[in-house]
Amino acid sequence: MCAFEVGNFDSDDAADFINVDLERDGLKAIEAALDDTLNHDYIEDDTGARAIAAGEVVAMLRGKPAADIPDNLVEWHQAHQLSADDALTAKAILAVEKAWADDGKSGWREFWEDSPNFQAVQVNIMELLSRLRL
């Protein structure tokens, strides 16, 4: 990761997911990011960041957007008027949980464990999971 802040949208990988993959492939990009996390034993940091961003998009599609949602993502949603069904939401929950699991299999979590911002990131992940479960 080059750019990284504590927000779920604040990495180069999350930005690439939103600005390139999502713009190009819509729901297929969301499915691919979630499946990429669910189908691997070890979650690289870029895969984890994309899964978290995809989870944020799913939450937005369910009417539960993050407070810091990027303007271009709001515009994308207004232009496409897509929604997320229960199956996609369940997949998003599983992928976010796996990306954040404390099981030694998530390079994304390991990256944050070594950061003084770990607690802030954990709060963001728990808040995302809460919005996905509503």
Protein backbone atom coordinates (compact mmCIF):
# COMPACT_ATOMS: atom_id res chain seq x y z
CA MET A 1 0.00 0.00 0.00
CA CYS A 2 1.35 3.41 -0.86
CA ALA A 3 -1.33 5.73 0.44
CA PHE A 4 -2.95 4.61 3.64
CA GLU A 5 -4.99 6.34 6.29
CA VAL A 6 -7.36 4.77 8.76
CA GLY A 7 -10.53 5.15 6.68
CA ASN A 8 -11.89 2.22 4.69
CA PHE A 9 -11.55 4.25 1.48
CA ASP A 10 -8.11 5.68 2.26
CA SER A 11 -5.70 3.39 0.43
CA ASP A 12 -4.49 3.22 -3.14
CA ASP A 13 -6.03 -0.25 -3.43
CA ALA A 14 -9.45 0.95 -2.26
CA ALA A 15 -9.24 3.93 -4.62
CA ASP A 16 -8.29 1.67 -7.54
CA PHE A 17 -11.21 -0.60 -6.73
CA ILE A 18 -13.66 2.32 -6.72
CA ASN A 19 -12.20 4.36 -9.58
CA VAL A 20 -11.28 1.55 -11.95
CA ASP A 21 -12.88 -1.80 -11.14
CA LEU A 22 -16.25 -0.58 -9.91
CA GLU A 23 -16.56 2.01 -12.63
CA ARG A 24 -15.76 -0.57 -15.31
CA ASP A 25 -17.54 -3.67 -13.97
CA GLY A 26 -20.15 -2.59 -11.40
CA LEU A 27 -21.60 -5.46 -9.38
CA LYS A 28 -19.17 -7.91 -11.02
CA ALA A 29 -16.29 -5.93 -9.50
CA ILE A 30 -17.88 -6.18 -6.06
CA GLU A 31 -18.37 -9.93 -6.41
CA ALA A 32 -14.81 -10.36 -7.67
CA ALA A 33 -13.28 -8.42 -4.77
CA LEU A 34 -15.29 -10.37 -2.22
CA ASP A 35 -14.63 -13.72 -3.91
CA ASP A 36 -10.91 -12.95 -4.12
CA THR A 37 -10.86 -12.70 -0.33
CA LEU A 38 -13.09 -15.68 0.31
CA ASN A 39 -11.26 -17.98 -2.12
CA HIS A 40 -7.75 -17.54 -0.70
CA ASP A 41 -6.24 -18.96 2.46
CA TYR A 42 -4.01 -15.93 3.00
CA ILE A 43 -5.29 -12.39 2.42
CA GLU A 44 -2.68 -10.03 0.99
CA ASP A 45 -2.97 -6.39 2.07
CA ASP A 46 -4.24 -5.24 -1.35
CA THR A 47 -6.88 -7.98 -1.42
CA GLY A 48 -8.03 -7.04 2.07
CA ALA A 49 -8.27 -3.35 1.21
CA ARG A 50 -10.36 -4.15 -1.88
CA ALA A 51 -12.67 -6.42 0.13
CA ILE A 52 -13.23 -3.70 2.72
CA ALA A 53 -13.96 -1.15 -0.01
CA ALA A 54 -16.34 -3.62 -1.68
CA GLY A 55 -18.04 -4.13 1.68
CA GLU A 56 -18.47 -0.38 1.96
CA VAL A 57 -20.07 -0.29 -1.48
CA VAL A 58 -22.47 -3.08 -0.48
CA ALA A 59 -23.42 -1.14 2.65
CA MET A 60 -24.06 1.94 0.51
CA LEU A 61 -26.19 -0.09 -1.91
CA ARG A 62 -28.27 -1.19 1.09
CA GLY A 63 -28.82 2.41 2.17
CA LYS A 64 -26.22 2.37 4.97
CA PRO A 65 -23.31 4.40 3.58
CA ALA A 66 -20.25 5.39 5.57
CA ALA A 67 -20.07 8.98 6.80
CA ASP A 68 -16.85 9.49 4.81
CA ILE A 69 -18.08 8.03 1.52
CA PRO A 70 -16.24 9.62 -1.41
CA ASP A 71 -18.25 11.98 -3.60
CA ASN A 72 -17.42 10.04 -6.76
CA LEU A 73 -18.89 6.89 -5.19
CA VAL A 74 -22.11 8.74 -4.35
CA GLU A 75 -22.26 9.97 -7.96
CA TRP A 76 -21.64 6.45 -9.25
CA HIS A 77 -24.50 5.13 -7.13
CA GLN A 78 -26.85 7.88 -8.28
CA ALA A 79 -25.99 7.14 -11.91
CA HIS A 80 -26.44 3.36 -11.64
CA GLN A 81 -29.17 2.96 -8.99
CA LEU A 82 -28.07 -0.58 -8.10
CA SER A 83 -28.95 -2.45 -4.93
CA ALA A 84 -27.44 -5.34 -3.01
CA ASP A 85 -29.47 -8.43 -2.21
CA ASP A 86 -29.17 -10.54 0.93
CA ALA A 87 -26.77 -13.01 -0.71
CA LEU A 88 -24.31 -10.27 -1.71
CA THR A 89 -24.60 -8.73 1.74
CA ALA A 90 -23.87 -12.07 3.41
CA LYS A 91 -20.84 -12.52 1.16
CA ALA A 92 -19.64 -9.01 2.04
CA ILE A 93 -19.93 -9.75 5.76
CA LEU A 94 -17.93 -12.98 5.38
CA ALA A 95 -15.23 -11.27 3.29
CA VAL A 96 -14.83 -8.34 5.68
CA GLU A 97 -14.68 -10.71 8.64
CA LYS A 98 -12.07 -12.85 6.89
CA ALA A 99 -9.97 -9.82 5.91
CA TRP A 100 -9.99 -8.68 9.55
CA ALA A 101 -9.64 -12.11 11.18
CA ASP A 102 -7.00 -12.44 13.87
CA ASP A 103 -5.88 -15.85 12.64
CA GLY A 104 -2.49 -15.10 11.10
CA LYS A 105 -3.95 -15.39 7.59
CA SER A 106 -4.53 -11.72 6.81
CA GLY A 107 -1.65 -9.59 5.65
CA TRP A 108 -4.06 -6.65 5.63
CA ARG A 109 -4.77 -7.04 9.34
CA GLU A 110 -1.08 -7.68 10.07
CA PHE A 111 -0.24 -4.43 8.34
CA TRP A 112 -2.57 -2.55 10.69
CA GLU A 113 -1.53 -4.51 13.80
CA ASP A 114 1.91 -2.92 13.43
CA SER A 115 0.41 0.56 13.17
CA PRO A 116 -0.33 3.03 15.95
CA ASN A 117 -3.71 3.45 14.18
CA PHE A 118 -4.82 -0.15 14.77
CA GLN A 119 -7.64 0.78 17.16
CA ALA A 120 -9.06 3.40 14.79
CA VAL A 121 -9.07 0.92 11.91
CA GLN A 122 -10.71 -1.71 14.10
CA VAL A 123 -13.46 0.76 15.00
CA ASN A 124 -14.03 1.43 11.28
CA ILE A 125 -14.27 -2.30 10.51
CA MET A 126 -16.69 -2.97 13.37
CA GLU A 127 -18.82 -0.01 12.27
CA LEU A 128 -18.87 -1.35 8.68
CA LEU A 129 -19.92 -4.80 9.87
CA SER A 130 -22.65 -3.21 11.97
CA ARG A 131 -24.02 -1.34 8.94
CA LEU A 132 -23.89 -4.51 6.81
CA ARG A 133 -25.82 -6.45 9.43
CA LEU A 134 -28.65 -3.90 9.78
